[in-house]
Amino acid sequence: MKSDCYLSKYIQMFFQDYLICRRNLSGHTIKSYRDVIKLFLRFASAKNKKAAVNLLANDINESTVVDFMSYLEKERGNSISTQNHRIALMRRFWSYVSLQEPSLSEHCRKISTIPSKKGAIISEITYLEKDEIAEMFKAINTKTTLGMRDYTMLLFMYNTGARVSETVNTRLSWLSLTKSSSKVNILGKGNKWRTCPLWPETITALQTLIDINKENVRPDDFIFLNRFSNPISRFGIMRIIEKYKGIAQMHLPQLQKKNVTPHTIRHSTAMHLLQSGVEINVIRSWLGHANLATTHGYIEIDLEMKRKALNACDLPQKHINKPRWQQNPDVLQWLESL
């Protein structure tokens, strides 16, 4: 094994060559990798008593990574799901290193085959019922400029099932608001495009919002802006949703028990499409899921909901009449006599 296999060299190659050039991953996904690698480098640096820049590939072994998982659980309080997600990113990195440096293949194989932890709890999919999301829309004062923006943005998210990052990045030029072609192009995960149709109500709201800002509108402008005319942030959308949830729950107290986030709106879109009889592959395309198994999760939730409804019903007690025919204990003897 080479003694000059500095880890920093492979990290730089992994990001520039693999994640950006070959995979063309989104900025948010790359940041996710970055954060995990940074966390691991700090841990490995302290464990080996070396500066991160001086760490070698052979300074890291199976024990280091296993101890890192223990550190994530005990000191950072990460759930099993989070630990498994982070170890999966580490496995991809070491698999890449093995391809770049054949002399490290066996070393990397031992690290990249560390199994995930069992016992991860699958987080429950939270979504809003139709009356709950309608109450949130009622809470918005559309007579003000910011209120009109909030109404249009939430309606856009509910109509398209867009992720919060997709909503933030949507540009004016991605819209088509004509009656013959009312749609929006959405740039999703992995820089993949998808097209979603728009309801007449969404078209009207978007056109109204555009007219409000028409003095400074250019094709490449973002649609949803904050009060300083800058693109609204993900956290800004989160605060807006929390605001209207707080108002809506005064009329629908059951909302107090729900953690409503931007992704809850997306889940609501999927569930309402499913409950309306939309085919599962159409929903997959609508939401931009790479894997059909992800979309199938909504079917499981829907079946569970039906099962709960069935269990809540009392089984009707049916009066069973005593049959007129009575068994003859001598029937076998009678048959023998035939």
Protein backbone atom coordinates (compact mmCIF):
# COMPACT_ATOMS: atom_id res chain seq x y z
CA MET A 1 0.00 0.00 0.00
CA LYS A 2 1.28 3.40 -0.90
CA SER A 3 2.31 5.60 2.02
CA ASP A 4 1.51 8.84 0.20
CA CYS A 5 -2.19 8.14 -0.39
CA TYR A 6 -3.44 11.30 1.25
CA LEU A 7 -7.16 11.21 1.93
CA SER A 8 -7.58 14.85 0.85
CA LYS A 9 -6.59 13.94 -2.73
CA TYR A 10 -9.34 11.34 -3.04
CA ILE A 11 -11.92 13.58 -1.39
CA GLN A 12 -11.26 16.31 -3.94
CA MET A 13 -11.47 13.81 -6.81
CA PHE A 14 -14.65 12.29 -5.38
CA PHE A 15 -16.44 15.64 -5.35
CA GLN A 16 -15.12 17.13 -8.58
CA ASP A 17 -14.87 14.02 -10.73
CA TYR A 18 -17.59 11.73 -9.41
CA LEU A 19 -20.36 13.76 -7.76
CA ILE A 20 -20.27 16.84 -10.00
CA CYS A 21 -18.98 15.64 -13.40
CA ARG A 22 -20.11 12.03 -13.58
CA ARG A 23 -23.25 12.00 -11.43
CA ASN A 24 -24.28 15.63 -12.01
CA LEU A 25 -25.88 15.70 -8.56
CA SER A 26 -27.76 18.72 -7.27
CA GLY A 27 -26.13 21.28 -5.00
CA HIS A 28 -28.18 20.11 -2.01
CA THR A 29 -27.07 16.49 -2.45
CA ILE A 30 -23.44 17.54 -2.79
CA LYS A 31 -23.76 19.56 0.42
CA SER A 32 -25.14 16.47 2.14
CA TYR A 33 -22.01 14.52 1.12
CA ARG A 34 -19.84 17.46 2.15
CA ASP A 35 -21.32 17.63 5.65
CA VAL A 36 -20.86 13.91 6.28
CA ILE A 37 -17.25 13.94 5.02
CA LYS A 38 -16.46 16.99 7.17
CA LEU A 39 -17.94 15.28 10.22
CA PHE A 40 -15.95 12.13 9.55
CA LEU A 41 -12.70 14.01 8.94
CA ARG A 42 -12.99 15.80 12.28
CA PHE A 43 -13.64 12.47 14.03
CA ALA A 44 -10.81 10.63 12.24
CA SER A 45 -8.41 13.51 12.84
CA ALA A 46 -9.05 13.42 16.60
CA LYS A 47 -8.86 9.61 16.71
CA ASN A 48 -5.54 9.49 14.85
CA LYS A 49 -4.19 12.66 16.47
CA LYS A 50 -3.39 14.04 13.03
CA ALA A 51 -4.43 17.15 11.17
CA ALA A 52 -7.12 16.36 8.61
CA VAL A 53 -4.83 17.45 5.78
CA ASN A 54 -2.23 14.84 6.83
CA LEU A 55 -4.60 11.87 7.09
CA LEU A 56 -3.70 8.91 4.87
CA ALA A 57 -6.13 6.39 3.43
CA ASN A 58 -4.55 3.63 5.52
CA ASP A 59 -5.15 5.67 8.68
CA ILE A 60 -8.81 4.75 8.22
CA ASN A 61 -9.97 1.18 8.75
CA GLU A 62 -13.13 -0.74 9.66
CA SER A 63 -12.70 0.08 13.33
CA THR A 64 -12.54 3.81 12.58
CA VAL A 65 -15.82 3.75 10.68
CA VAL A 66 -17.57 1.56 13.27
CA ASP A 67 -16.40 3.92 16.02
CA PHE A 68 -17.69 6.81 13.91
CA MET A 69 -21.15 5.22 13.84
CA SER A 70 -21.01 4.81 17.61
CA TYR A 71 -19.99 8.47 17.91
CA LEU A 72 -22.98 9.52 15.77
CA GLU A 73 -25.33 7.59 18.04
CA LYS A 74 -23.95 8.30 21.51
CA GLU A 75 -22.54 11.80 21.20
CA ARG A 76 -24.58 13.35 18.39
CA GLY A 77 -27.81 11.52 19.16
CA ASN A 78 -28.37 10.41 15.56
CA SER A 79 -31.14 7.90 14.91
CA ILE A 80 -30.40 4.56 13.27
CA SER A 81 -31.86 5.89 10.00
CA THR A 82 -29.50 8.89 10.06
CA GLN A 83 -26.53 6.68 10.92
CA ASN A 84 -27.35 4.36 8.04
CA HIS A 85 -27.74 7.27 5.65
CA ARG A 86 -24.35 8.65 6.61
CA ILE A 87 -22.61 5.29 6.46
CA ALA A 88 -24.10 4.74 2.98
CA LEU A 89 -22.44 7.96 1.81
CA MET A 90 -19.15 6.79 3.33
CA ARG A 91 -19.46 3.45 1.49
CA ARG A 92 -19.85 5.25 -1.84
CA PHE A 93 -16.75 7.30 -1.12
CA TRP A 94 -14.57 4.27 -0.31
CA SER A 95 -15.90 2.36 -3.31
CA TYR A 96 -14.77 5.28 -5.44
CA VAL A 97 -11.32 5.31 -3.80
CA SER A 98 -10.87 1.61 -4.59
CA LEU A 99 -11.46 2.32 -8.29
CA GLN A 100 -8.91 5.12 -8.32
CA GLU A 101 -6.23 3.25 -6.42
CA PRO A 102 -6.21 -0.53 -7.06
CA SER A 103 -3.59 -1.07 -4.37
CA LEU A 104 -6.21 0.05 -1.84
CA SER A 105 -8.95 -2.23 -3.16
CA GLU A 106 -8.98 -4.75 -0.31
CA HIS A 107 -8.61 -2.01 2.28
CA CYS A 108 -11.57 -0.15 0.80
CA ARG A 109 -13.65 -3.31 0.38
CA LYS A 110 -13.52 -4.00 4.11
CA ILE A 111 -14.80 -0.51 4.85
CA SER A 112 -17.41 -0.37 2.09
CA THR A 113 -18.98 -3.68 3.19
CA ILE A 114 -19.70 -2.56 6.75
CA PRO A 115 -23.42 -3.40 7.12
CA SER A 116 -26.13 -0.93 7.99
CA LYS A 117 -27.73 -1.13 11.41
CA LYS A 118 -31.00 -2.96 11.76
CA GLY A 119 -33.94 -1.58 13.68
CA ALA A 120 -34.33 1.72 11.85
CA ILE A 121 -37.77 3.21 12.38
CA ILE A 122 -39.41 4.30 9.15
CA SER A 123 -40.77 7.77 9.73
CA GLU A 124 -44.52 8.10 9.38
CA ILE A 125 -45.77 9.98 6.34
CA THR A 126 -47.73 12.98 7.58
CA TYR A 127 -50.24 14.58 5.26
CA LEU A 128 -53.18 16.94 5.51
CA GLU A 129 -56.78 16.00 4.88
CA LYS A 130 -58.55 18.09 2.25
CA ASP A 131 -60.47 20.10 4.84
CA GLU A 132 -57.24 20.82 6.75
CA ILE A 133 -55.36 22.17 3.77
CA ALA A 134 -58.45 24.16 2.74
CA GLU A 135 -58.50 25.76 6.21
CA MET A 136 -54.87 26.80 5.80
CA PHE A 137 -55.71 28.52 2.52
CA LYS A 138 -58.65 30.30 4.21
CA ALA A 139 -56.23 31.68 6.82
CA ILE A 140 -54.33 33.68 4.16
CA ASN A 141 -55.25 37.32 3.59
CA THR A 142 -54.90 37.65 -0.19
CA LYS A 143 -55.70 41.37 -0.10
CA THR A 144 -52.08 42.14 0.81
CA THR A 145 -49.07 41.65 -1.49
CA LEU A 146 -47.33 39.22 0.86
CA GLY A 147 -50.59 37.41 1.49
CA MET A 148 -51.11 36.95 -2.26
CA ARG A 149 -47.56 35.63 -2.55
CA ASP A 150 -48.14 33.16 0.30
CA TYR A 151 -51.43 31.96 -1.19
CA THR A 152 -49.92 31.52 -4.67
CA MET A 153 -46.84 29.74 -3.32
CA LEU A 154 -48.76 27.24 -1.18
CA LEU A 155 -51.26 26.63 -4.00
CA PHE A 156 -48.35 26.06 -6.39
CA MET A 157 -46.77 23.55 -3.96
CA TYR A 158 -50.08 21.73 -3.45
CA ASN A 159 -50.86 21.68 -7.20
CA THR A 160 -47.44 20.39 -8.28
CA GLY A 161 -46.23 18.48 -5.23
CA ALA A 162 -42.96 20.38 -5.61
CA ARG A 163 -40.22 19.98 -3.04
CA VAL A 164 -39.36 23.14 -1.12
CA SER A 165 -36.04 23.48 -2.98
CA GLU A 166 -37.86 23.12 -6.30
CA THR A 167 -40.35 25.81 -5.31
CA VAL A 168 -37.60 28.21 -4.25
CA ASN A 169 -35.75 27.79 -7.56
CA THR A 170 -38.71 28.05 -9.95
CA ARG A 171 -38.22 30.78 -12.59
CA LEU A 172 -40.74 32.78 -14.55
CA SER A 173 -39.54 31.31 -17.86
CA TRP A 174 -40.43 27.82 -16.64
CA LEU A 175 -44.13 28.71 -16.63
CA SER A 176 -46.64 28.42 -19.44
CA LEU A 177 -49.89 30.10 -18.44
CA THR A 178 -51.83 29.93 -21.70
CA LYS A 179 -55.19 28.13 -21.74
CA SER A 180 -53.98 25.66 -24.34
CA SER A 181 -50.77 24.86 -22.43
CA SER A 182 -50.95 25.53 -18.71
CA LYS A 183 -47.92 23.87 -17.14
CA VAL A 184 -44.68 24.40 -15.27
CA ASN A 185 -41.27 22.81 -15.80
CA ILE A 186 -39.68 21.80 -12.51
CA LEU A 187 -35.99 21.12 -11.98
CA GLY A 188 -35.80 18.30 -9.46
CA LYS A 189 -33.24 16.02 -7.83
CA GLY A 190 -30.29 15.01 -9.96
CA ASN A 191 -30.99 18.01 -12.22
CA LYS A 192 -33.87 16.09 -13.81
CA TRP A 193 -36.73 18.03 -15.37
CA ARG A 194 -40.39 17.13 -15.11
CA THR A 195 -43.54 18.89 -16.26
CA CYS A 196 -46.67 19.38 -14.16
CA PRO A 197 -50.06 20.68 -15.32
CA LEU A 198 -51.55 23.67 -13.53
CA TRP A 199 -55.08 24.16 -12.26
CA PRO A 200 -57.01 27.23 -13.49
CA GLU A 201 -56.90 28.57 -9.91
CA THR A 202 -53.11 28.24 -9.86
CA ILE A 203 -52.79 29.98 -13.22
CA THR A 204 -54.95 32.89 -12.02
CA ALA A 205 -52.97 33.23 -8.78
CA LEU A 206 -49.61 33.10 -10.59
CA GLN A 207 -50.72 35.67 -13.15
CA THR A 208 -51.91 37.97 -10.36
CA LEU A 209 -48.59 37.64 -8.56
CA ILE A 210 -46.65 38.32 -11.76
CA ASP A 211 -48.76 41.42 -12.44
CA ILE A 212 -47.99 42.73 -8.95
CA ASN A 213 -44.26 42.51 -9.68
CA LYS A 214 -44.47 43.33 -13.41
CA GLU A 215 -42.24 46.43 -13.18
CA ASN A 216 -39.13 44.36 -12.45
CA VAL A 217 -40.02 41.03 -14.05
CA ARG A 218 -37.52 39.29 -16.35
CA PRO A 219 -37.75 35.72 -17.75
CA ASP A 220 -34.96 34.41 -15.52
CA ASP A 221 -36.39 35.97 -12.35
CA PHE A 222 -37.48 33.78 -9.47
CA ILE A 223 -41.24 33.67 -8.97
CA PHE A 224 -41.44 33.66 -5.20
CA LEU A 225 -39.64 36.54 -3.53
CA ASN A 226 -39.29 37.79 0.03
CA ARG A 227 -40.18 41.32 1.12
CA PHE A 228 -36.72 42.51 0.03
CA SER A 229 -37.34 41.24 -3.53
CA ASN A 230 -34.80 38.43 -3.09
CA PRO A 231 -35.62 34.75 -3.72
CA ILE A 232 -37.49 33.36 -0.74
CA SER A 233 -35.52 30.82 1.30
CA ARG A 234 -36.51 27.32 2.38
CA PHE A 235 -36.68 28.55 5.97
CA GLY A 236 -38.87 31.43 4.86
CA ILE A 237 -41.37 28.96 3.39
CA MET A 238 -41.22 26.91 6.59
CA ARG A 239 -42.09 29.96 8.70
CA ILE A 240 -44.98 30.85 6.37
CA ILE A 241 -46.44 27.34 6.67
CA GLU A 242 -46.10 27.42 10.46
CA LYS A 243 -47.88 30.78 10.52
CA TYR A 244 -50.96 29.61 8.63
CA LYS A 245 -51.05 26.27 10.40
CA GLY A 246 -51.23 28.21 13.67
CA ILE A 247 -54.23 30.19 12.42
CA ALA A 248 -55.97 27.17 10.87
CA GLN A 249 -55.69 25.03 14.00
CA MET A 250 -57.91 27.48 15.90
CA HIS A 251 -60.74 26.19 13.69
CA LEU A 252 -59.45 22.63 13.32
CA PRO A 253 -57.86 21.60 16.65
CA GLN A 254 -56.62 18.28 15.20
CA LEU A 255 -53.95 20.24 13.33
CA GLN A 256 -52.18 20.87 16.64
CA LYS A 257 -51.08 17.21 16.67
CA LYS A 258 -49.57 17.38 13.17
CA ASN A 259 -46.06 18.52 12.33
CA VAL A 260 -46.77 20.49 9.14
CA THR A 261 -43.71 21.16 6.97
CA PRO A 262 -43.23 21.97 3.27
CA HIS A 263 -42.85 18.22 2.66
CA THR A 264 -46.24 17.67 4.33
CA ILE A 265 -47.80 19.67 1.49
CA ARG A 266 -46.04 17.36 -0.99
CA HIS A 267 -47.29 14.27 0.86
CA SER A 268 -50.80 15.75 0.81
CA THR A 269 -50.65 16.17 -2.97
CA ALA A 270 -49.63 12.53 -3.40
CA MET A 271 -52.32 11.19 -1.08
CA HIS A 272 -55.09 13.28 -2.60
CA LEU A 273 -54.08 12.19 -6.11
CA LEU A 274 -54.07 8.57 -4.97
CA GLN A 275 -57.44 8.88 -3.27
CA SER A 276 -58.84 10.46 -6.44
CA GLY A 277 -57.92 7.33 -8.39
CA VAL A 278 -54.83 8.62 -10.19
CA GLU A 279 -52.60 5.75 -11.40
CA ILE A 280 -49.46 5.20 -9.32
CA ASN A 281 -47.03 5.73 -12.23
CA VAL A 282 -48.64 9.09 -12.97
CA ILE A 283 -48.12 10.11 -9.33
CA ARG A 284 -44.50 8.95 -9.55
CA SER A 285 -43.95 11.15 -12.59
CA TRP A 286 -45.86 14.01 -10.97
CA LEU A 287 -43.66 13.99 -7.87
CA GLY A 288 -40.41 13.23 -9.68
CA HIS A 289 -39.63 10.03 -7.77
CA ALA A 290 -36.67 8.14 -9.22
CA ASN A 291 -37.85 4.88 -7.65
CA LEU A 292 -41.41 3.57 -7.88
CA ALA A 293 -40.97 1.98 -4.44
CA THR A 294 -40.93 5.48 -2.94
CA THR A 295 -44.35 6.23 -4.43
CA HIS A 296 -45.70 2.86 -3.27
CA GLY A 297 -45.27 4.12 0.30
CA TYR A 298 -48.38 6.21 -0.19
CA ILE A 299 -50.38 3.14 -1.17
CA GLU A 300 -49.39 1.47 2.10
CA ILE A 301 -50.54 4.52 4.03
CA ASP A 302 -53.84 4.54 2.16
CA LEU A 303 -54.42 0.84 2.86
CA GLU A 304 -53.62 1.39 6.53
CA MET A 305 -56.14 4.20 6.63
CA LYS A 306 -58.81 1.90 5.15
CA ARG A 307 -57.91 -0.82 7.63
CA LYS A 308 -58.37 1.58 10.55
CA ALA A 309 -61.71 2.63 9.17
CA LEU A 310 -62.76 -1.01 8.88
CA ASN A 311 -61.67 -1.80 12.44
CA ALA A 312 -63.61 1.21 13.70
CA CYS A 313 -66.86 -0.28 12.37
CA ASP A 314 -68.83 -2.64 14.60
CA LEU A 315 -69.44 -6.02 13.07
CA PRO A 316 -73.21 -6.40 12.70
CA GLN A 317 -74.61 -9.21 14.79
CA LYS A 318 -76.49 -11.57 12.54
CA HIS A 319 -79.21 -13.77 13.98
CA ILE A 320 -78.42 -17.32 12.96
CA ASN A 321 -81.49 -19.48 12.60
CA LYS A 322 -81.22 -23.06 13.73
CA PRO A 323 -81.25 -25.25 10.64
CA ARG A 324 -84.38 -27.28 10.15
CA TRP A 325 -82.36 -30.32 9.12
CA GLN A 326 -81.06 -32.30 12.05
CA GLN A 327 -78.21 -34.68 11.80
CA ASN A 328 -79.32 -38.29 12.03
CA PRO A 329 -76.88 -40.24 14.17
CA ASP A 330 -77.78 -43.37 12.19
CA VAL A 331 -77.12 -41.86 8.78
CA LEU A 332 -74.02 -43.99 8.26
CA GLN A 333 -75.99 -47.09 9.03
CA TRP A 334 -78.69 -45.97 6.62
CA LEU A 335 -76.11 -45.41 3.86
CA GLU A 336 -74.70 -48.88 4.53
CA SER A 337 -78.13 -50.32 4.00
CA LEU A 338 -78.43 -48.93 0.48
